[in-house]
């Protein structure tokens, strides 16, 4: 069963990801801060998902740190944009 680490500060998004991945047989470790993720990353993972405020420079630094210890594929999900920001896309 693939082990996936999820780091996101949005409880609703964490709940949705949990509802999608667990029934499909994935072992999901949900983290809400960098320290929890570092502890969870001590065990091998198939994928790391960084979202919310962790998709910024702080998250990239954390990802670099974790990948130095063990290479792991990562999915970085930027925080959502508001309607006012859509014109900038």
PDB file of N, CA and C in Angstrom:
ATOM      1  N   UNK A   1       0.847  -1.166   0.000  1.00  0.00           N
ATOM      2  CA  UNK A   1       0.000   0.000   0.000  1.00  0.00           C
ATOM      3  C   UNK A   1       0.901   1.241   0.000  1.00  0.00           C
ATOM      4  N   UNK A   2       0.807   2.095  -1.019  1.00  0.00           N
ATOM      5  CA  UNK A   2       1.661   3.280  -1.100  1.00  0.00           C
ATOM      6  C   UNK A   2       1.427   4.230   0.075  1.00  0.00           C
ATOM      7  N   UNK A   3       2.517   4.757   0.599  1.00  0.00           N
ATOM      8  CA  UNK A   3       2.460   5.698   1.727  1.00  0.00           C
ATOM      9  C   UNK A   3       2.641   7.110   1.179  1.00  0.00           C
ATOM     10  N   UNK A   4       1.662   7.967   1.466  1.00  0.00           N
ATOM     11  CA  UNK A   4       1.669   9.342   0.970  1.00  0.00           C
ATOM     12  C   UNK A   4       1.664  10.281   2.160  1.00  0.00           C
ATOM     13  N   UNK A   5       2.532  11.298   2.099  1.00  0.00           N
ATOM     14  CA  UNK A   5       2.574  12.327   3.131  1.00  0.00           C
ATOM     15  C   UNK A   5       1.886  13.575   2.584  1.00  0.00           C
ATOM     16  N   UNK A   6       0.961  14.126   3.346  1.00  0.00           N
ATOM     17  CA  UNK A   6       0.231  15.329   2.956  1.00  0.00           C
ATOM     18  C   UNK A   6       0.500  16.416   3.979  1.00  0.00           C
ATOM     19  N   UNK A   7       1.022  17.537   3.521  1.00  0.00           N
ATOM     20  CA  UNK A   7       1.241  18.696   4.380  1.00  0.00           C
ATOM     21  C   UNK A   7       0.410  19.848   3.841  1.00  0.00           C
ATOM     22  N   UNK A   8      -0.630  20.203   4.577  1.00  0.00           N
ATOM     23  CA  UNK A   8      -1.496  21.308   4.183  1.00  0.00           C
ATOM     24  C   UNK A   8      -2.127  21.900   5.432  1.00  0.00           C
ATOM     25  N   UNK A   9      -2.320  23.206   5.440  1.00  0.00           N
ATOM     26  CA  UNK A   9      -2.879  23.863   6.607  1.00  0.00           C
ATOM     27  C   UNK A   9      -4.395  24.038   6.531  1.00  0.00           C
ATOM     28  N   UNK A  10      -5.019  23.545   5.475  1.00  0.00           N
ATOM     29  CA  UNK A  10      -6.469  23.672   5.297  1.00  0.00           C
ATOM     30  C   UNK A  10      -7.159  22.370   5.702  1.00  0.00           C
ATOM     31  N   UNK A  11      -7.898  22.378   6.814  1.00  0.00           N
ATOM     32  CA  UNK A  11      -8.554  21.140   7.266  1.00  0.00           C
ATOM     33  C   UNK A  11      -9.546  20.568   6.255  1.00  0.00           C
ATOM     34  N   UNK A  12     -10.227  21.430   5.501  1.00  0.00           N
ATOM     35  CA  UNK A  12     -11.186  20.942   4.510  1.00  0.00           C
ATOM     36  C   UNK A  12     -10.477  20.201   3.381  1.00  0.00           C
ATOM     37  N   UNK A  13      -9.377  20.747   2.912  1.00  0.00           N
ATOM     38  CA  UNK A  13      -8.624  20.076   1.850  1.00  0.00           C
ATOM     39  C   UNK A  13      -8.040  18.763   2.356  1.00  0.00           C
ATOM     40  N   UNK A  14      -7.531  18.762   3.580  1.00  0.00           N
ATOM     41  CA  UNK A  14      -7.002  17.513   4.147  1.00  0.00           C
ATOM     42  C   UNK A  14      -8.098  16.452   4.206  1.00  0.00           C
ATOM     43  N   UNK A  15      -9.313  16.860   4.569  1.00  0.00           N
ATOM     44  CA  UNK A  15     -10.431  15.910   4.641  1.00  0.00           C
ATOM     45  C   UNK A  15     -10.778  15.357   3.264  1.00  0.00           C
ATOM     46  N   UNK A  16     -10.793  16.214   2.246  1.00  0.00           N
ATOM     47  CA  UNK A  16     -11.116  15.764   0.881  1.00  0.00           C
ATOM     48  C   UNK A  16     -10.060  14.789   0.373  1.00  0.00           C
ATOM     49  N   UNK A  17      -8.793  15.137   0.551  1.00  0.00           N
ATOM     50  CA  UNK A  17      -7.710  14.251   0.093  1.00  0.00           C
ATOM     51  C   UNK A  17      -7.801  12.909   0.816  1.00  0.00           C
ATOM     52  N   UNK A  18      -8.108  12.936   2.096  1.00  0.00           N
ATOM     53  CA  UNK A  18      -8.262  11.704   2.871  1.00  0.00           C
ATOM     54  C   UNK A  18      -9.397  10.857   2.305  1.00  0.00           C
ATOM     55  N   UNK A  19     -10.544  11.489   2.006  1.00  0.00           N
ATOM     56  CA  UNK A  19     -11.699  10.768   1.475  1.00  0.00           C
ATOM     57  C   UNK A  19     -11.417  10.148   0.111  1.00  0.00           C
ATOM     58  N   UNK A  20     -10.525  10.746  -0.650  1.00  0.00           N
ATOM     59  CA  UNK A  20     -10.212  10.234  -1.987  1.00  0.00           C
ATOM     60  C   UNK A  20      -9.166   9.120  -1.929  1.00  0.00           C
ATOM     61  N   UNK A  21      -8.100   9.307  -1.143  1.00  0.00           N
ATOM     62  CA  UNK A  21      -6.974   8.378  -1.184  1.00  0.00           C
ATOM     63  C   UNK A  21      -7.141   7.127  -0.322  1.00  0.00           C
ATOM     64  N   UNK A  22      -7.714   7.247   0.852  1.00  0.00           N
ATOM     65  CA  UNK A  22      -7.832   6.095   1.753  1.00  0.00           C
ATOM     66  C   UNK A  22      -8.648   4.960   1.118  1.00  0.00           C
ATOM     67  N   UNK A  23      -9.831   5.235   0.545  1.00  0.00           N
ATOM     68  CA  UNK A  23     -10.597   4.140  -0.060  1.00  0.00           C
ATOM     69  C   UNK A  23      -9.887   3.468  -1.240  1.00  0.00           C
ATOM     70  N   UNK A  24      -8.905   4.144  -1.805  1.00  0.00           N
ATOM     71  CA  UNK A  24      -8.169   3.574  -2.935  1.00  0.00           C
ATOM     72  C   UNK A  24      -6.946   2.790  -2.486  1.00  0.00           C
ATOM     73  N   UNK A  25      -6.835   2.585  -1.176  1.00  0.00           N
ATOM     74  CA  UNK A  25      -5.786   1.721  -0.660  1.00  0.00           C
ATOM     75  C   UNK A  25      -4.481   2.406  -0.304  1.00  0.00           C
ATOM     76  N   UNK A  26      -4.459   3.725  -0.296  1.00  0.00           N
ATOM     77  CA  UNK A  26      -3.236   4.441   0.063  1.00  0.00           C
ATOM     78  C   UNK A  26      -3.145   4.623   1.572  1.00  0.00           C
ATOM     79  N   UNK A  27      -1.947   4.575   2.080  1.00  0.00           N
ATOM     80  CA  UNK A  27      -1.713   4.919   3.475  1.00  0.00           C
ATOM     81  C   UNK A  27      -1.387   6.407   3.488  1.00  0.00           C
ATOM     82  N   UNK A  28      -2.240   7.204   4.093  1.00  0.00           N
ATOM     83  CA  UNK A  28      -2.078   8.654   4.079  1.00  0.00           C
ATOM     84  C   UNK A  28      -1.677   9.135   5.466  1.00  0.00           C
ATOM     85  N   UNK A  29      -0.591   9.898   5.512  1.00  0.00           N
ATOM     86  CA  UNK A  29      -0.148  10.519   6.755  1.00  0.00           C
ATOM     87  C   UNK A  29      -0.384  12.012   6.591  1.00  0.00           C
ATOM     88  N   UNK A  30      -1.311  12.548   7.377  1.00  0.00           N
ATOM     89  CA  UNK A  30      -1.699  13.946   7.277  1.00  0.00           C
ATOM     90  C   UNK A  30      -0.914  14.756   8.297  1.00  0.00           C
ATOM     91  N   UNK A  31      -0.259  15.805   7.813  1.00  0.00           N
ATOM     92  CA  UNK A  31       0.559  16.677   8.661  1.00  0.00           C
ATOM     93  C   UNK A  31       0.057  18.107   8.516  1.00  0.00           C
ATOM     94  N   UNK A  32       0.113  18.854   9.620  1.00  0.00           N
ATOM     95  CA  UNK A  32      -0.318  20.245   9.536  1.00  0.00           C
ATOM     96  C   UNK A  32       0.799  21.241   9.835  1.00  0.00           C
ATOM     97  N   UNK A  33       2.021  20.719  10.022  1.00  0.00           N
ATOM     98  CA  UNK A  33       3.169  21.626  10.179  1.00  0.00           C
ATOM     99  C   UNK A  33       4.443  20.904   9.758  1.00  0.00           C
ATOM    100  N   UNK A  34       5.498  21.678   9.575  1.00  0.00           N
ATOM    101  CA  UNK A  34       6.757  21.126   9.087  1.00  0.00           C
ATOM    102  C   UNK A  34       7.391  20.130  10.029  1.00  0.00           C
ATOM    103  N   UNK A  35       7.263  20.346  11.335  1.00  0.00           N
ATOM    104  CA  UNK A  35       7.851  19.417  12.304  1.00  0.00           C
ATOM    105  C   UNK A  35       7.193  18.044  12.229  1.00  0.00           C
ATOM    106  N   UNK A  36       5.869  18.030  12.103  1.00  0.00           N
ATOM    107  CA  UNK A  36       5.147  16.760  11.980  1.00  0.00           C
ATOM    108  C   UNK A  36       5.557  16.041  10.703  1.00  0.00           C
ATOM    109  N   UNK A  37       5.726  16.806   9.618  1.00  0.00           N
ATOM    110  CA  UNK A  37       6.142  16.205   8.351  1.00  0.00           C
ATOM    111  C   UNK A  37       7.547  15.624   8.458  1.00  0.00           C
ATOM    112  N   UNK A  38       8.451  16.342   9.099  1.00  0.00           N
ATOM    113  CA  UNK A  38       9.816  15.827   9.261  1.00  0.00           C
ATOM    114  C   UNK A  38       9.800  14.484  10.003  1.00  0.00           C
ATOM    115  N   UNK A  39       8.995  14.391  11.047  1.00  0.00           N
ATOM    116  CA  UNK A  39       8.899  13.143  11.810  1.00  0.00           C
ATOM    117  C   UNK A  39       8.312  12.033  10.945  1.00  0.00           C
ATOM    118  N   UNK A  40       7.269  12.345  10.180  1.00  0.00           N
ATOM    119  CA  UNK A  40       6.631  11.345   9.322  1.00  0.00           C
ATOM    120  C   UNK A  40       7.560  10.908   8.201  1.00  0.00           C
ATOM    121  N   UNK A  41       8.418  11.806   7.745  1.00  0.00           N
ATOM    122  CA  UNK A  41       9.316  11.504   6.626  1.00  0.00           C
ATOM    123  C   UNK A  41      10.456  10.572   7.025  1.00  0.00           C
ATOM    124  N   UNK A  42      10.561  10.256   8.308  1.00  0.00           N
ATOM    125  CA  UNK A  42      11.584   9.302   8.747  1.00  0.00           C
ATOM    126  C   UNK A  42      11.320   7.917   8.148  1.00  0.00           C
ATOM    127  N   UNK A  43      10.074   7.634   7.803  1.00  0.00           N
ATOM    128  CA  UNK A  43       9.688   6.389   7.142  1.00  0.00           C
ATOM    129  C   UNK A  43       9.559   6.678   5.639  1.00  0.00           C
ATOM    130  N   UNK A  44       9.948   5.748   4.778  1.00  0.00           N
ATOM    131  CA  UNK A  44       9.863   5.993   3.331  1.00  0.00           C
ATOM    132  C   UNK A  44       8.434   6.309   2.875  1.00  0.00           C
ATOM    133  N   UNK A  45       8.331   7.182   1.887  1.00  0.00           N
ATOM    134  CA  UNK A  45       7.035   7.543   1.321  1.00  0.00           C
ATOM    135  C   UNK A  45       7.115   7.474  -0.197  1.00  0.00           C
ATOM    136  N   UNK A  46       5.976   7.180  -0.819  1.00  0.00           N
ATOM    137  CA  UNK A  46       5.897   7.123  -2.272  1.00  0.00           C
ATOM    138  C   UNK A  46       5.663   8.496  -2.879  1.00  0.00           C
ATOM    139  N   UNK A  47       5.077   9.416  -2.090  1.00  0.00           N
ATOM    140  CA  UNK A  47       4.734  10.738  -2.598  1.00  0.00           C
ATOM    141  C   UNK A  47       4.587  11.707  -1.440  1.00  0.00           C
ATOM    142  N   UNK A  48       4.956  12.943  -1.707  1.00  0.00           N
ATOM    143  CA  UNK A  48       4.768  14.038  -0.756  1.00  0.00           C
ATOM    144  C   UNK A  48       3.903  15.087  -1.429  1.00  0.00           C
ATOM    145  N   UNK A  49       2.816  15.479  -0.779  1.00  0.00           N
ATOM    146  CA  UNK A  49       1.943  16.530  -1.298  1.00  0.00           C
ATOM    147  C   UNK A  49       2.077  17.741  -0.380  1.00  0.00           C
ATOM    148  N   UNK A  50       2.489  18.869  -0.939  1.00  0.00           N
ATOM    149  CA  UNK A  50       2.593  20.131  -0.202  1.00  0.00           C
ATOM    150  C   UNK A  50       1.540  21.075  -0.735  1.00  0.00           C
ATOM    151  N   UNK A  51       0.724  21.604   0.145  1.00  0.00           N
ATOM    152  CA  UNK A  51      -0.312  22.535  -0.296  1.00  0.00           C
ATOM    153  C   UNK A  51      -0.443  23.715   0.636  1.00  0.00           C
ATOM    154  N   UNK A  52      -1.388  24.582   0.318  1.00  0.00           N
ATOM    155  CA  UNK A  52      -1.658  25.758   1.138  1.00  0.00           C
ATOM    156  C   UNK A  52      -0.442  26.643   1.267  1.00  0.00           C
ATOM    157  N   UNK A  53      -0.198  27.112   2.471  1.00  0.00           N
ATOM    158  CA  UNK A  53       0.937  28.027   2.682  1.00  0.00           C
ATOM    159  C   UNK A  53       2.271  27.322   2.518  1.00  0.00           C
ATOM    160  N   UNK A  54       2.274  25.993   2.484  1.00  0.00           N
ATOM    161  CA  UNK A  54       3.521  25.246   2.336  1.00  0.00           C
ATOM    162  C   UNK A  54       3.950  25.097   0.879  1.00  0.00           C
ATOM    163  N   UNK A  55       3.171  25.642  -0.051  1.00  0.00           N
ATOM    164  CA  UNK A  55       3.544  25.608  -1.466  1.00  0.00           C
ATOM    165  C   UNK A  55       4.425  26.801  -1.833  1.00  0.00           C
ATOM    166  N   UNK A  56       4.796  27.599  -0.835  1.00  0.00           N
ATOM    167  CA  UNK A  56       5.623  28.779  -1.087  1.00  0.00           C
ATOM    168  C   UNK A  56       7.088  28.475  -0.789  1.00  0.00           C
ATOM    169  N   UNK A  57       7.874  29.511  -0.552  1.00  0.00           N
ATOM    170  CA  UNK A  57       9.311  29.337  -0.307  1.00  0.00           C
ATOM    171  C   UNK A  57       9.587  28.473   0.918  1.00  0.00           C
ATOM    172  N   UNK A  58       8.782  28.612   1.959  1.00  0.00           N
ATOM    173  CA  UNK A  58       8.957  27.792   3.160  1.00  0.00           C
ATOM    174  C   UNK A  58       8.816  26.308   2.825  1.00  0.00           C
ATOM    175  N   UNK A  59       7.802  25.989   2.056  1.00  0.00           N
ATOM    176  CA  UNK A  59       7.575  24.606   1.662  1.00  0.00           C
ATOM    177  C   UNK A  59       8.666  24.070   0.753  1.00  0.00           C
ATOM    178  N   UNK A  60       9.140  24.911  -0.167  1.00  0.00           N
ATOM    179  CA  UNK A  60      10.227  24.467  -1.059  1.00  0.00           C
ATOM    180  C   UNK A  60      11.497  24.192  -0.269  1.00  0.00           C
ATOM    181  N   UNK A  61      11.780  25.017   0.744  1.00  0.00           N
ATOM    182  CA  UNK A  61      12.952  24.778   1.588  1.00  0.00           C
ATOM    183  C   UNK A  61      12.797  23.474   2.358  1.00  0.00           C
ATOM    184  N   UNK A  62      11.598  23.223   2.857  1.00  0.00           N
ATOM    185  CA  UNK A  62      11.321  21.980   3.567  1.00  0.00           C
ATOM    186  C   UNK A  62      11.463  20.786   2.630  1.00  0.00           C
ATOM    187  N   UNK A  63      10.970  20.913   1.414  1.00  0.00           N
ATOM    188  CA  UNK A  63      11.080  19.844   0.423  1.00  0.00           C
ATOM    189  C   UNK A  63      12.542  19.546   0.102  1.00  0.00           C
ATOM    190  N   UNK A  64      13.346  20.578  -0.069  1.00  0.00           N
ATOM    191  CA  UNK A  64      14.777  20.398  -0.327  1.00  0.00           C
ATOM    192  C   UNK A  64      15.440  19.658   0.824  1.00  0.00           C
ATOM    193  N   UNK A  65      15.081  20.035   2.038  1.00  0.00           N
ATOM    194  CA  UNK A  65      15.625  19.375   3.237  1.00  0.00           C
ATOM    195  C   UNK A  65      15.257  17.890   3.259  1.00  0.00           C
ATOM    196  N   UNK A  66      14.000  17.589   2.999  1.00  0.00           N
ATOM    197  CA  UNK A  66      13.548  16.190   3.046  1.00  0.00           C
ATOM    198  C   UNK A  66      14.163  15.369   1.916  1.00  0.00           C
ATOM    199  N   UNK A  67      14.285  15.965   0.751  1.00  0.00           N
ATOM    200  CA  UNK A  67      14.861  15.235  -0.384  1.00  0.00           C
ATOM    201  C   UNK A  67      16.351  14.988  -0.206  1.00  0.00           C
ATOM    202  N   UNK A  68      17.022  15.788   0.612  1.00  0.00           N
ATOM    203  CA  UNK A  68      18.443  15.551   0.886  1.00  0.00           C
ATOM    204  C   UNK A  68      18.616  14.250   1.660  1.00  0.00           C
ATOM    205  N   UNK A  69      17.638  13.928   2.487  1.00  0.00           N
ATOM    206  CA  UNK A  69      17.683  12.693   3.277  1.00  0.00           C
ATOM    207  C   UNK A  69      17.239  11.483   2.451  1.00  0.00           C
ATOM    208  N   UNK A  70      16.202  11.659   1.644  1.00  0.00           N
ATOM    209  CA  UNK A  70      15.678  10.566   0.821  1.00  0.00           C
ATOM    210  C   UNK A  70      14.885  11.164  -0.334  1.00  0.00           C
ATOM    211  N   UNK A  71      15.226  10.812  -1.572  1.00  0.00           N
ATOM    212  CA  UNK A  71      14.480  11.362  -2.704  1.00  0.00           C
ATOM    213  C   UNK A  71      13.032  10.872  -2.684  1.00  0.00           C
ATOM    214  N   UNK A  72      12.116  11.784  -2.848  1.00  0.00           N
ATOM    215  CA  UNK A  72      10.694  11.440  -2.875  1.00  0.00           C
ATOM    216  C   UNK A  72      10.015  12.350  -3.897  1.00  0.00           C
ATOM    217  N   UNK A  73       9.167  11.789  -4.754  1.00  0.00           N
ATOM    218  CA  UNK A  73       8.422  12.639  -5.682  1.00  0.00           C
ATOM    219  C   UNK A  73       7.498  13.562  -4.886  1.00  0.00           C
ATOM    220  N   UNK A  74       7.267  14.750  -5.417  1.00  0.00           N
ATOM    221  CA  UNK A  74       6.427  15.713  -4.709  1.00  0.00           C
ATOM    222  C   UNK A  74       5.430  16.358  -5.658  1.00  0.00           C
ATOM    223  N   UNK A  75       4.267  16.632  -5.109  1.00  0.00           N
ATOM    224  CA  UNK A  75       3.235  17.393  -5.793  1.00  0.00           C
ATOM    225  C   UNK A  75       3.031  18.656  -4.974  1.00  0.00           C
ATOM    226  N   UNK A  76       3.292  19.806  -5.574  1.00  0.00           N
ATOM    227  CA  UNK A  76       3.140  21.081  -4.880  1.00  0.00           C
ATOM    228  C   UNK A  76       1.874  21.737  -5.418  1.00  0.00           C
ATOM    229  N   UNK A  77       0.914  21.971  -4.523  1.00  0.00           N
ATOM    230  CA  UNK A  77      -0.376  22.533  -4.894  1.00  0.00           C
ATOM    231  C   UNK A  77      -0.453  23.959  -4.362  1.00  0.00           C
ATOM    232  N   UNK A  78      -0.329  24.947  -5.238  1.00  0.00           N
ATOM    233  CA  UNK A  78      -0.364  26.342  -4.775  1.00  0.00           C
ATOM    234  C   UNK A  78      -1.701  26.676  -4.129  1.00  0.00           C
ATOM    235  N   UNK A  79      -1.644  27.619  -3.211  1.00  0.00           N
ATOM    236  CA  UNK A  79      -2.862  28.078  -2.554  1.00  0.00           C
ATOM    237  C   UNK A  79      -3.776  28.686  -3.601  1.00  0.00           C
ATOM    238  N   UNK A  80      -5.086  28.494  -3.454  1.00  0.00           N
ATOM    239  CA  UNK A  80      -6.053  28.989  -4.426  1.00  0.00           C
ATOM    240  C   UNK A  80      -6.013  30.490  -4.597  1.00  0.00           C
ATOM    241  N   UNK A  81      -6.366  30.919  -5.762  1.00  0.00           N
ATOM    242  CA  UNK A  81      -6.414  32.350  -6.051  1.00  0.00           C
ATOM    243  C   UNK A  81      -7.863  32.821  -5.974  1.00  0.00           C
ATOM    244  N   UNK A  82      -8.024  34.029  -5.557  1.00  0.00           N
ATOM    245  CA  UNK A  82      -9.354  34.621  -5.517  1.00  0.00           C
ATOM    246  C   UNK A  82      -9.756  35.114  -6.900  1.00  0.00           C
ATOM    247  N   UNK A  83     -11.030  35.477  -7.052  1.00  0.00           N
ATOM    248  CA  UNK A  83     -11.514  35.969  -8.335  1.00  0.00           C
ATOM    249  C   UNK A  83     -10.740  37.186  -8.801  1.00  0.00           C
ATOM    250  N   UNK A  84     -10.328  38.040  -7.856  1.00  0.00           N
ATOM    251  CA  UNK A  84      -9.596  39.254  -8.215  1.00  0.00           C
ATOM    252  C   UNK A  84      -8.266  38.945  -8.865  1.00  0.00           C
ATOM    253  N   UNK A  85      -7.712  37.778  -8.575  1.00  0.00           N
ATOM    254  CA  UNK A  85      -6.402  37.412  -9.119  1.00  0.00           C
ATOM    255  C   UNK A  85      -6.495  36.715 -10.472  1.00  0.00           C
ATOM    256  N   UNK A  86      -7.694  36.362 -10.909  1.00  0.00           N
ATOM    257  CA  UNK A  86      -7.822  35.583 -12.144  1.00  0.00           C
ATOM    258  C   UNK A  86      -7.313  36.340 -13.365  1.00  0.00           C
ATOM    259  N   UNK A  87      -7.438  37.636 -13.373  1.00  0.00           N
ATOM    260  CA  UNK A  87      -6.968  38.418 -14.509  1.00  0.00           C
ATOM    261  C   UNK A  87      -5.462  38.340 -14.675  1.00  0.00           C
ATOM    262  N   UNK A  88      -4.756  38.022 -13.601  1.00  0.00           N
ATOM    263  CA  UNK A  88      -3.297  37.942 -13.652  1.00  0.00           C
ATOM    264  C   UNK A  88      -2.815  36.630 -14.254  1.00  0.00           C
ATOM    265  N   UNK A  89      -3.695  35.677 -14.427  1.00  0.00           N
ATOM    266  CA  UNK A  89      -3.277  34.367 -14.948  1.00  0.00           C
ATOM    267  C   UNK A  89      -3.043  34.363 -16.415  1.00  0.00           C
TER     268      UNK A  89
END
